[in-house]
Amino acid sequence: MNGGKWVDPAPFEGARPRLPWWALVPGKAKWLAALVALVWFVVLGVVRLVLVAVRYPVATVVPVSAAWCWWRFGLSPLVLTLLTLVALLLLWAGYDRASFLRHGWYRLVTEWRRATVYVPRWRSVMRLADLAKRDRGREYRPKLRRVRSEGWRDRVRVRMIPAQSPEVWELRRDGLAHSFHAQSCRVRVLRPRVIELDFVHRDPLNRPLRVPALADVEVDLKRVVVGRTETGKPWRLRLLGSQVLVVGVPGAGKGSVLWSLVWQLAPAIRAGLVRLVGIDPKGGMELGQCPDAFDRAVYDNGPEAVALLEEMAAEVKERATRYRGVRRLWARSTGEPFTVLVVDELADLIAYQPDKQLRERAARAIQTITSQGRAPGYAVVGLVQDPRKEVVGFRHLFTTRVALRLDEPQQVDMVLGDGVRQRGAAAHEISENTPGVAWVKQDGQREPERARAFHVTDADLGELGAFLADATVHNFPTRPGGTGEVAA
């Protein structure tokens, strides 16, 4: 009886129990099926062993080779071989440490971290982070493609599952960093469906960088070296064809970026190829440390500073008029100097100036220079503490933006652009003990870059002043019939 109803048992009386598939195979064919299954399992095992050897060459080849040598030649030759190998590695490390780390030690660390950190935890972390999905009984899980350790970070390449976007991974950066025992995690897009996770373990920029020696060398205005990136490469700022905005709280190292730039431009300034014009509303506390670097300088935010800005805006228009139909971008062959306008504490001119008329005149002049000065050979380097739109309403005119230590997370996106903080550009987390460390982003570049400027001391500024004071005086035509001058 089923639910109060009688069920006829007759249809079930002749039912036979369900048998496994091999019980249904005829007797002679069972041996063939068993043989095929055995061959299949052997082939599958060999393929898996080959994949393991390819993925972990050091962890598999070295123990197998050691075991074979022990079995073939005995223990003493094996110990002698190992000692010889260790001695050769030590000699390699002493002769070329960088090559040893890159081709030797980091590969061992890569094998170790992949086998002990990422592979054992990958499946669980993907499931718990909701990065793996199930559909119709099948699990779609991101594939761990490659791991490369560089000492201070691990680069983990991942193939995303269908219909997944990098933004999903960016929202889970903190959880991934904690899951794989890293200080932070950054997400970079390599190509469609392939991303790379940077698991950072320590800061390679925790030590100050000394400035290089001054020398009369040719300066490339498109690639001015002002420090070093966290990957060990030179940090290059573009001046020709670009405008630079440097933002940071007091003590973040804006002066390091400024003087590193002036230090590298010194040979061109000395040769008369580059002209520096400066405005320092703080009474010259910053730019006045090396007045010989500037062709003209004003140390306030009053009428004299605004007049200088308007004069430069007129120069931009006049030079652009002369270049019309002749050239599209400034070059050294023009015989005119490339001009760099340095404005320390930009907000004092365009936001905090109590005189509304002066404030508006200064803002219009700087906008003219930043928007039209690229082709005629004029660049603006503006330094400011507060990046809010009501302070610097024309941030978009600065094509290169440098974010030093900031107060609030929202300020990172204000300076570098929307979404960069989710990709790992945590300028608000820069330590107070590392002035000069910054996140840098240029227009057209999706991923920001982390770098540190050179540390320029007062003694270095004295050396810079002496280097520039020995140069021949250049009378740049900053106004019709006039020459450059320094205004106090």
Protein backbone atom coordinates (compact mmCIF):
# COMPACT_ATOMS: atom_id res chain seq x y z
CA MET A 1 0.00 0.00 0.00
CA ASN A 2 1.38 3.43 -0.96
CA GLY A 3 -0.32 6.55 0.42
CA GLY A 4 -3.47 4.61 1.19
CA LYS A 5 -3.58 2.97 -2.22
CA TRP A 6 -2.87 -0.64 -3.11
CA VAL A 7 0.01 -1.16 -5.51
CA ASP A 8 0.12 -4.26 -7.65
CA PRO A 9 3.45 -6.02 -6.94
CA ALA A 10 3.31 -8.06 -10.14
CA PRO A 11 5.29 -5.67 -12.37
CA PHE A 12 8.19 -5.76 -9.85
CA GLU A 13 8.35 -9.50 -9.32
CA GLY A 14 10.42 -10.09 -12.45
CA ALA A 15 12.70 -7.09 -11.99
CA ARG A 16 16.39 -7.94 -11.97
CA PRO A 17 18.99 -6.18 -9.85
CA ARG A 18 21.16 -3.58 -11.67
CA LEU A 19 24.62 -4.99 -12.48
CA PRO A 20 27.89 -3.13 -13.19
CA TRP A 21 28.90 -2.67 -16.83
CA TRP A 22 31.66 -5.28 -16.72
CA ALA A 23 29.19 -7.95 -15.59
CA LEU A 24 27.28 -7.45 -18.80
CA VAL A 25 30.40 -8.00 -20.99
CA PRO A 26 30.83 -11.54 -22.39
CA GLY A 27 33.52 -13.68 -20.82
CA LYS A 28 36.21 -13.35 -23.51
CA ALA A 29 35.67 -9.62 -23.85
CA LYS A 30 36.19 -9.05 -20.10
CA TRP A 31 39.90 -9.62 -20.45
CA LEU A 32 40.08 -7.14 -23.34
CA ALA A 33 38.12 -4.52 -21.39
CA ALA A 34 40.37 -5.03 -18.37
CA LEU A 35 43.46 -4.66 -20.55
CA VAL A 36 42.15 -1.46 -22.14
CA ALA A 37 41.35 -0.03 -18.69
CA LEU A 38 44.82 -0.94 -17.42
CA VAL A 39 46.53 0.70 -20.41
CA TRP A 40 44.38 3.79 -19.94
CA PHE A 41 45.32 4.12 -16.26
CA VAL A 42 49.02 3.63 -17.08
CA VAL A 43 48.95 6.28 -19.81
CA LEU A 44 47.07 8.65 -17.51
CA GLY A 45 49.61 8.10 -14.75
CA VAL A 46 52.55 8.70 -17.09
CA VAL A 47 50.96 11.92 -18.38
CA ARG A 48 50.42 13.13 -14.84
CA LEU A 49 54.03 12.35 -13.91
CA VAL A 50 55.25 14.26 -16.97
CA LEU A 51 53.06 17.25 -16.07
CA VAL A 52 54.39 17.20 -12.51
CA ALA A 53 57.97 17.07 -13.82
CA VAL A 54 57.28 19.99 -16.17
CA ARG A 55 55.60 22.09 -13.49
CA TYR A 56 58.13 21.24 -10.76
CA PRO A 57 61.38 20.45 -12.58
CA VAL A 58 63.66 21.16 -9.63
CA ALA A 59 61.48 19.33 -7.08
CA THR A 60 61.30 16.20 -9.26
CA VAL A 61 64.52 16.00 -11.30
CA VAL A 62 66.92 16.71 -8.41
CA PRO A 63 65.60 13.99 -6.01
CA VAL A 64 65.32 11.43 -8.81
CA SER A 65 68.85 12.19 -10.01
CA ALA A 66 70.19 11.97 -6.46
CA ALA A 67 68.47 8.64 -5.86
CA TRP A 68 69.81 7.23 -9.15
CA CYS A 69 73.38 8.37 -8.36
CA TRP A 70 73.15 6.81 -4.91
CA TRP A 71 71.92 3.51 -6.36
CA ARG A 72 74.46 3.53 -9.21
CA PHE A 73 77.63 4.91 -7.61
CA GLY A 74 77.10 4.84 -3.85
CA LEU A 75 76.89 7.45 -1.09
CA SER A 76 80.41 8.94 -1.21
CA PRO A 77 80.30 10.14 -4.86
CA LEU A 78 76.84 11.58 -4.21
CA VAL A 79 78.06 13.62 -1.21
CA LEU A 80 81.08 14.83 -3.19
CA THR A 81 78.84 15.89 -6.07
CA LEU A 82 76.51 17.79 -3.75
CA LEU A 83 79.41 19.60 -2.07
CA THR A 84 80.82 20.55 -5.47
CA LEU A 85 77.42 21.85 -6.56
CA VAL A 86 77.09 23.95 -3.40
CA ALA A 87 80.58 25.40 -3.93
CA LEU A 88 79.75 26.33 -7.52
CA LEU A 89 76.52 28.02 -6.41
CA LEU A 90 78.40 30.03 -3.78
CA LEU A 91 80.97 31.13 -6.36
CA TRP A 92 78.16 32.11 -8.72
CA ALA A 93 76.45 34.13 -5.98
CA GLY A 94 79.68 35.91 -5.09
CA TYR A 95 80.59 36.71 -8.70
CA ASP A 96 77.19 37.85 -9.98
CA ARG A 97 74.60 38.09 -7.22
CA ALA A 98 71.88 39.53 -9.49
CA SER A 99 72.21 36.69 -12.01
CA PHE A 100 72.29 34.08 -9.23
CA LEU A 101 69.11 35.45 -7.67
CA ARG A 102 67.28 35.74 -10.97
CA HIS A 103 68.24 32.39 -12.53
CA GLY A 104 68.98 30.32 -9.44
CA TRP A 105 67.58 31.24 -6.06
CA TYR A 106 64.28 32.75 -7.24
CA ARG A 107 63.55 29.63 -9.27
CA LEU A 108 63.97 27.50 -6.17
CA VAL A 109 61.69 29.85 -4.24
CA THR A 110 59.18 29.66 -7.09
CA GLU A 111 59.08 25.86 -6.95
CA TRP A 112 58.72 25.90 -3.17
CA ARG A 113 55.95 28.49 -2.99
CA ARG A 114 53.97 26.95 -5.82
CA ALA A 115 54.12 23.48 -4.25
CA THR A 116 53.49 24.57 -0.64
CA VAL A 117 51.34 27.72 -0.89
CA TYR A 118 49.37 28.09 -4.09
CA VAL A 119 48.61 24.59 -5.38
CA PRO A 120 47.38 23.09 -2.04
CA ARG A 121 45.11 26.06 -1.26
CA TRP A 122 44.00 27.10 -4.73
CA ARG A 123 40.78 25.08 -4.96
CA SER A 124 39.59 25.97 -1.45
CA VAL A 125 40.39 29.68 -1.80
CA MET A 126 38.62 29.91 -5.18
CA ARG A 127 35.51 28.30 -3.74
CA LEU A 128 35.44 30.31 -0.52
CA ALA A 129 36.11 33.57 -2.38
CA ASP A 130 33.18 32.80 -4.69
CA LEU A 131 35.47 32.88 -7.73
CA ALA A 132 34.48 29.36 -8.79
CA LYS A 133 31.00 28.69 -10.19
CA ARG A 134 28.82 25.61 -10.73
CA ASP A 135 26.52 25.11 -13.68
CA ARG A 136 24.54 21.94 -14.46
CA GLY A 137 26.57 19.91 -12.04
CA ARG A 138 29.93 21.05 -13.46
CA GLU A 139 32.38 23.26 -11.56
CA TYR A 140 34.13 26.06 -13.39
CA ARG A 141 37.26 27.05 -11.50
CA PRO A 142 39.95 29.64 -12.44
CA LYS A 143 43.12 27.88 -13.56
CA LEU A 144 46.45 28.49 -11.90
CA ARG A 145 48.73 28.89 -14.91
CA ARG A 146 52.13 30.06 -13.73
CA VAL A 147 53.95 31.24 -10.61
CA ARG A 148 57.08 33.41 -10.67
CA SER A 149 58.75 34.53 -7.44
CA GLU A 150 60.90 37.67 -7.44
CA GLY A 151 61.80 37.76 -3.78
CA TRP A 152 59.62 40.69 -2.80
CA ARG A 153 56.55 39.48 -4.70
CA ASP A 154 55.00 36.44 -6.36
CA ARG A 155 53.50 36.85 -9.82
CA VAL A 156 50.63 34.39 -10.22
CA ARG A 157 49.09 34.08 -13.67
CA VAL A 158 45.44 33.02 -13.75
CA ARG A 159 43.01 32.11 -16.50
CA MET A 160 39.56 33.32 -15.55
CA ILE A 161 36.40 31.30 -16.09
CA PRO A 162 33.94 32.36 -18.82
CA ALA A 163 31.81 35.45 -18.13
CA GLN A 164 34.21 36.62 -15.38
CA SER A 165 35.74 40.10 -15.31
CA PRO A 166 38.90 41.47 -13.64
CA GLU A 167 36.74 43.72 -11.46
CA VAL A 168 35.51 40.62 -9.61
CA TRP A 169 39.09 39.83 -8.61
CA GLU A 170 39.83 43.44 -7.68
CA LEU A 171 37.01 43.37 -5.13
CA ARG A 172 38.62 40.32 -3.46
CA ARG A 173 42.22 41.55 -3.33
CA ASP A 174 42.42 41.76 0.46
CA GLY A 175 40.95 38.31 0.98
CA LEU A 176 43.32 36.76 -1.55
CA ALA A 177 46.31 38.46 0.08
CA HIS A 178 45.45 37.07 3.52
CA SER A 179 44.66 33.62 2.10
CA PHE A 180 48.11 33.30 0.51
CA HIS A 181 50.03 35.01 3.38
CA ALA A 182 50.94 38.22 1.50
CA GLN A 183 50.93 41.85 2.61
CA SER A 184 48.88 42.96 -0.37
CA CYS A 185 47.55 41.80 -3.71
CA ARG A 186 47.33 43.67 -7.01
CA VAL A 187 45.45 42.71 -10.15
CA ARG A 188 46.82 43.30 -13.66
CA VAL A 189 45.19 42.40 -16.96
CA LEU A 190 47.53 40.73 -19.45
CA ARG A 191 45.11 39.79 -22.21
CA PRO A 192 41.47 38.68 -22.52
CA ARG A 193 40.61 36.11 -19.79
CA VAL A 194 44.19 36.16 -18.44
CA ILE A 195 45.18 38.22 -15.39
CA GLU A 196 48.22 38.31 -13.14
CA LEU A 197 48.06 38.62 -9.37
CA ASP A 198 50.97 40.31 -7.63
CA PHE A 199 51.26 39.00 -4.07
CA VAL A 200 53.60 41.47 -2.34
CA HIS A 201 55.62 40.20 0.64
CA ARG A 202 57.94 43.14 1.36
CA ASP A 203 58.65 46.67 0.18
CA PRO A 204 61.67 46.97 -2.16
CA LEU A 205 61.54 50.77 -1.82
CA ASN A 206 62.02 51.01 1.94
CA ARG A 207 65.50 52.57 1.67
CA PRO A 208 66.31 56.09 0.41
CA LEU A 209 67.93 56.41 -3.02
CA ARG A 210 71.03 58.52 -3.46
CA VAL A 211 71.13 60.87 -6.42
CA PRO A 212 73.54 59.99 -9.24
CA ALA A 213 76.62 62.05 -9.88
CA LEU A 214 76.21 65.30 -11.81
CA ALA A 215 77.68 65.12 -15.30
CA ASP A 216 77.43 66.98 -18.58
CA VAL A 217 75.34 64.36 -20.36
CA GLU A 218 72.55 64.72 -22.87
CA VAL A 219 69.13 64.95 -21.25
CA ASP A 220 66.18 63.14 -22.82
CA LEU A 221 63.14 65.27 -22.03
CA LYS A 222 60.84 62.35 -22.77
CA ARG A 223 62.56 60.06 -20.25
CA VAL A 224 63.94 62.04 -17.32
CA VAL A 225 65.10 59.65 -14.60
CA VAL A 226 63.94 60.85 -11.18
CA GLY A 227 64.20 57.63 -9.15
CA ARG A 228 63.60 53.89 -9.32
CA THR A 229 60.50 51.74 -9.61
CA GLU A 230 59.78 48.83 -7.30
CA THR A 231 60.85 46.41 -10.05
CA GLY A 232 64.35 47.93 -10.02
CA LYS A 233 63.97 49.88 -13.27
CA PRO A 234 64.59 53.63 -13.57
CA TRP A 235 61.59 55.82 -12.87
CA ARG A 236 61.27 58.08 -15.90
CA LEU A 237 59.08 61.18 -16.11
CA ARG A 238 58.03 62.62 -19.44
CA LEU A 239 58.30 66.39 -19.75
CA LEU A 240 58.22 66.97 -23.50
CA GLY A 241 54.58 66.72 -24.50
CA SER A 242 53.30 66.28 -20.94
CA GLN A 243 52.18 68.20 -17.85
CA VAL A 244 53.01 66.83 -14.38
CA LEU A 245 50.89 67.05 -11.23
CA VAL A 246 52.47 65.94 -7.93
CA VAL A 247 50.10 65.47 -4.99
CA GLY A 248 50.96 64.56 -1.42
CA VAL A 249 50.44 65.52 2.20
CA PRO A 250 53.12 67.52 4.03
CA GLY A 251 56.20 65.36 4.51
CA ALA A 252 55.24 62.93 1.74
CA GLY A 253 58.26 63.86 -0.39
CA LYS A 254 57.06 66.38 -2.97
CA GLY A 255 60.44 68.10 -2.67
CA SER A 256 62.20 64.83 -3.50
CA VAL A 257 60.30 64.56 -6.78
CA LEU A 258 60.88 68.23 -7.60
CA TRP A 259 64.62 68.33 -6.88
CA SER A 260 65.24 64.94 -8.48
CA LEU A 261 63.74 66.38 -11.64
CA VAL A 262 65.83 69.57 -11.41
CA TRP A 263 68.95 67.50 -10.62
CA GLN A 264 68.54 65.46 -13.79
CA LEU A 265 67.80 68.57 -15.88
CA ALA A 266 70.90 70.38 -14.57
CA PRO A 267 73.15 69.59 -17.57
CA ALA A 268 70.48 70.87 -19.97
CA ILE A 269 69.91 73.97 -17.80
CA ARG A 270 73.63 74.62 -17.75
CA ALA A 271 73.84 74.27 -21.54
CA GLY A 272 70.91 76.64 -22.08
CA LEU A 273 68.61 73.98 -23.54
CA VAL A 274 66.13 74.08 -20.65
CA ARG A 275 64.80 77.11 -18.79
CA LEU A 276 63.22 76.82 -15.34
CA VAL A 277 60.68 79.34 -14.10
CA GLY A 278 59.45 78.98 -10.53
CA ILE A 279 56.69 80.24 -8.25
CA ASP A 280 56.91 79.49 -4.53
CA PRO A 281 54.12 81.07 -2.47
CA LYS A 282 55.85 79.95 0.74
CA GLY A 283 58.34 82.79 0.50
CA GLY A 284 61.01 80.71 -1.20
CA MET A 285 61.29 78.06 1.51
CA GLU A 286 61.54 75.37 -1.21
CA LEU A 287 62.66 76.90 -4.49
CA GLY A 288 64.91 79.37 -2.72
CA GLN A 289 67.20 76.52 -1.64
CA CYS A 290 68.78 76.56 -5.10
CA PRO A 291 67.99 79.86 -6.86
CA ASP A 292 70.73 79.29 -9.48
CA ALA A 293 68.52 76.64 -11.09
CA PHE A 294 65.83 79.14 -12.04
CA ASP A 295 65.90 81.74 -14.76
CA ARG A 296 63.05 83.55 -13.03
CA ALA A 297 61.41 82.97 -9.67
CA VAL A 298 58.67 84.66 -7.66
CA TYR A 299 58.34 83.92 -3.97
CA ASP A 300 54.69 84.85 -3.25
CA ASN A 301 51.19 84.35 -4.65
CA GLY A 302 50.36 87.97 -5.28
CA PRO A 303 50.21 90.22 -8.37
CA GLU A 304 53.82 89.52 -9.34
CA ALA A 305 53.22 85.76 -9.50
CA VAL A 306 50.02 86.21 -11.51
CA ALA A 307 51.81 88.58 -13.89
CA LEU A 308 54.51 85.97 -14.46
CA LEU A 309 51.87 83.33 -15.24
CA GLU A 310 50.10 85.60 -17.70
CA GLU A 311 53.40 86.47 -19.33
CA MET A 312 54.16 82.79 -19.84
CA ALA A 313 50.67 82.16 -21.22
CA ALA A 314 51.33 84.92 -23.77
CA GLU A 315 54.67 83.31 -24.63
CA VAL A 316 52.92 80.01 -25.29
CA LYS A 317 50.49 81.62 -27.72
CA GLU A 318 53.21 83.63 -29.44
CA ARG A 319 55.49 80.63 -29.93
CA ALA A 320 52.59 78.49 -31.15
CA THR A 321 51.80 81.16 -33.73
CA ARG A 322 55.36 81.08 -35.02
CA TYR A 323 55.34 77.25 -35.20
CA ARG A 324 52.09 77.18 -37.20
CA GLY A 325 52.72 75.47 -40.53
CA VAL A 326 56.36 74.81 -39.58
CA ARG A 327 56.34 72.10 -36.93
CA ARG A 328 53.91 70.27 -34.67
CA LEU A 329 56.18 69.75 -31.63
CA TRP A 330 59.09 71.58 -30.10
CA ALA A 331 62.57 70.27 -30.89
CA ARG A 332 66.07 71.31 -29.91
CA SER A 333 66.74 72.38 -33.47
CA THR A 334 64.47 75.39 -32.95
CA GLY A 335 67.19 77.09 -30.91
CA GLU A 336 64.64 78.05 -28.23
CA PRO A 337 64.84 76.61 -24.72
CA PHE A 338 62.33 74.10 -23.42
CA THR A 339 60.57 75.89 -20.56
CA VAL A 340 59.48 74.21 -17.34
CA LEU A 341 57.17 76.13 -15.00
CA VAL A 342 57.44 74.86 -11.41
CA VAL A 343 54.63 75.91 -9.08
CA ASP A 344 55.07 74.84 -5.48
CA GLU A 345 51.77 74.76 -3.54
CA LEU A 346 49.61 75.33 -6.59
CA ALA A 347 46.50 75.71 -4.43
CA ASP A 348 47.83 78.96 -2.95
CA LEU A 349 47.53 80.55 -6.38
CA ILE A 350 44.25 79.16 -7.71
CA ALA A 351 42.22 78.35 -4.58
CA TYR A 352 43.51 80.00 -1.39
CA GLN A 353 44.33 83.45 -2.81
CA PRO A 354 41.90 85.82 -1.01
CA ASP A 355 41.70 88.18 -3.99
CA LYS A 356 39.10 86.65 -6.30
CA GLN A 357 40.31 88.56 -9.34
CA LEU A 358 43.92 87.41 -8.88
CA ARG A 359 42.73 83.86 -8.22
CA GLU A 360 40.74 83.73 -11.45
CA ARG A 361 43.55 85.30 -13.49
CA ALA A 362 46.04 82.75 -12.16
CA ALA A 363 43.72 79.83 -12.91
CA ARG A 364 43.10 81.04 -16.47
CA ALA A 365 46.81 81.51 -17.15
CA ILE A 366 47.80 78.07 -15.80
CA GLN A 367 45.00 76.42 -17.78
CA THR A 368 46.26 78.12 -20.91
CA ILE A 369 49.81 76.91 -20.33
CA THR A 370 48.77 73.34 -19.48
CA SER A 371 46.30 73.00 -22.34
CA GLN A 372 48.32 74.72 -25.09
CA GLY A 373 51.95 74.49 -23.98
CA ARG A 374 52.65 70.88 -24.93
CA ALA A 375 53.50 71.47 -28.61
CA PRO A 376 55.43 74.80 -28.25
CA GLY A 377 57.75 73.35 -25.60
CA TYR A 378 56.24 74.37 -22.26
CA ALA A 379 55.66 72.01 -19.35
CA VAL A 380 54.07 72.66 -15.96
CA VAL A 381 55.13 70.81 -12.81
CA GLY A 382 52.48 71.58 -10.21
CA LEU A 383 52.77 70.49 -6.58
CA VAL A 384 49.71 70.48 -4.34
CA GLN A 385 48.48 68.94 -1.09
CA ASP A 386 44.73 68.83 -1.67
CA PRO A 387 43.58 67.16 -4.92
CA ARG A 388 39.88 67.95 -4.60
CA LYS A 389 38.11 69.31 -7.67
CA GLU A 390 37.24 72.59 -5.96
CA VAL A 391 40.98 73.09 -5.37
CA VAL A 392 42.38 71.89 -8.71
CA GLY A 393 39.43 71.87 -11.07
CA PHE A 394 41.55 71.15 -14.15
CA ARG A 395 43.35 67.98 -13.01
CA HIS A 396 42.52 66.38 -16.36
CA LEU A 397 44.96 68.74 -18.10
CA PHE A 398 47.88 67.09 -16.31
CA THR A 399 48.71 63.99 -18.35
CA THR A 400 51.22 62.64 -15.79
CA ARG A 401 50.03 62.41 -12.20
CA VAL A 402 52.10 61.44 -9.17
CA ALA A 403 50.33 60.41 -5.97
CA LEU A 404 52.59 60.48 -2.92
CA ARG A 405 51.24 59.66 0.53
CA LEU A 406 47.61 60.80 0.80
CA ASP A 407 45.18 61.17 3.70
CA GLU A 408 42.07 59.45 2.37
CA PRO A 409 41.39 56.47 0.08
CA GLN A 410 39.07 58.57 -2.11
CA GLN A 411 41.94 60.92 -2.93
CA VAL A 412 43.76 58.13 -4.77
CA ASP A 413 41.07 57.97 -7.44
CA MET A 414 40.93 61.77 -7.54
CA VAL A 415 44.59 61.93 -8.50
CA LEU A 416 45.21 58.79 -10.56
CA GLY A 417 41.75 58.10 -11.97
CA ASP A 418 38.72 56.00 -11.14
CA GLY A 419 39.35 52.38 -10.20
CA VAL A 420 43.13 52.50 -9.64
CA ARG A 421 42.77 51.99 -5.90
CA GLN A 422 40.89 48.73 -6.48
CA ARG A 423 43.77 47.55 -8.68
CA GLY A 424 46.23 48.05 -5.82
CA ALA A 425 47.41 51.68 -5.99
CA ALA A 426 47.12 52.29 -2.24
CA ALA A 427 48.74 55.72 -1.99
CA HIS A 428 46.87 56.33 1.26
CA GLU A 429 48.76 53.38 2.81
CA ILE A 430 52.29 54.65 2.06
CA SER A 431 54.35 54.73 5.23
CA GLU A 432 55.41 58.02 6.80
CA ASN A 433 58.94 56.55 6.97
CA THR A 434 59.27 56.36 3.17
CA PRO A 435 59.05 59.93 1.81
CA GLY A 436 59.34 60.04 -1.95
CA VAL A 437 57.43 56.79 -2.54
CA ALA A 438 54.59 57.37 -4.99
CA TRP A 439 52.17 55.83 -7.42
CA VAL A 440 52.52 57.20 -10.95
CA LYS A 441 50.10 57.08 -13.84
CA GLN A 442 50.21 58.54 -17.33
CA ASP A 443 47.34 59.00 -19.75
CA GLY A 444 46.84 55.90 -21.86
CA GLN A 445 48.38 53.67 -19.19
CA ARG A 446 45.86 51.41 -17.43
CA GLU A 447 48.09 50.18 -14.64
CA PRO A 448 49.74 52.64 -12.23
CA GLU A 449 53.39 52.21 -11.34
CA ARG A 450 54.96 52.38 -7.88
CA ALA A 451 58.29 54.18 -7.55
CA ARG A 452 60.50 56.24 -5.27
CA ALA A 453 62.27 59.50 -6.06
CA PHE A 454 65.91 60.19 -5.26
CA HIS A 455 66.66 61.64 -1.84
CA VAL A 456 68.17 65.09 -2.45
CA THR A 457 69.82 66.48 0.68
CA ASP A 458 70.82 70.07 1.48
CA ALA A 459 74.42 69.16 0.64
CA ASP A 460 73.25 67.90 -2.75
CA LEU A 461 71.45 71.19 -3.37
CA GLY A 462 74.67 73.04 -2.55
CA GLU A 463 76.51 70.90 -5.09
CA LEU A 464 73.74 71.54 -7.63
CA GLY A 465 73.97 75.29 -7.09
CA ALA A 466 77.75 75.25 -7.58
CA PHE A 467 77.34 73.15 -10.73
CA LEU A 468 74.87 75.62 -12.24
CA ALA A 469 76.70 78.73 -11.02
CA ASP A 470 79.71 77.80 -13.15
CA ALA A 471 77.60 77.91 -16.33
CA THR A 472 77.56 80.75 -18.77
CA VAL A 473 74.73 83.19 -18.10
CA HIS A 474 71.90 82.68 -20.62
CA ASN A 475 69.69 85.66 -21.35
CA PHE A 476 66.45 84.03 -22.37
CA PRO A 477 63.97 86.34 -24.14
CA THR A 478 61.11 85.95 -21.71
CA ARG A 479 59.45 89.15 -22.92
CA PRO A 480 59.90 91.37 -25.99
CA GLY A 481 63.12 93.30 -25.56
CA GLY A 482 63.80 91.92 -22.08
CA THR A 483 65.83 89.23 -20.34
CA GLY A 484 65.21 86.85 -17.52
CA GLU A 485 65.31 88.11 -13.97
CA VAL A 486 64.75 86.83 -10.47
CA ALA A 487 62.00 88.45 -8.49
CA ALA A 488 62.09 88.28 -4.74
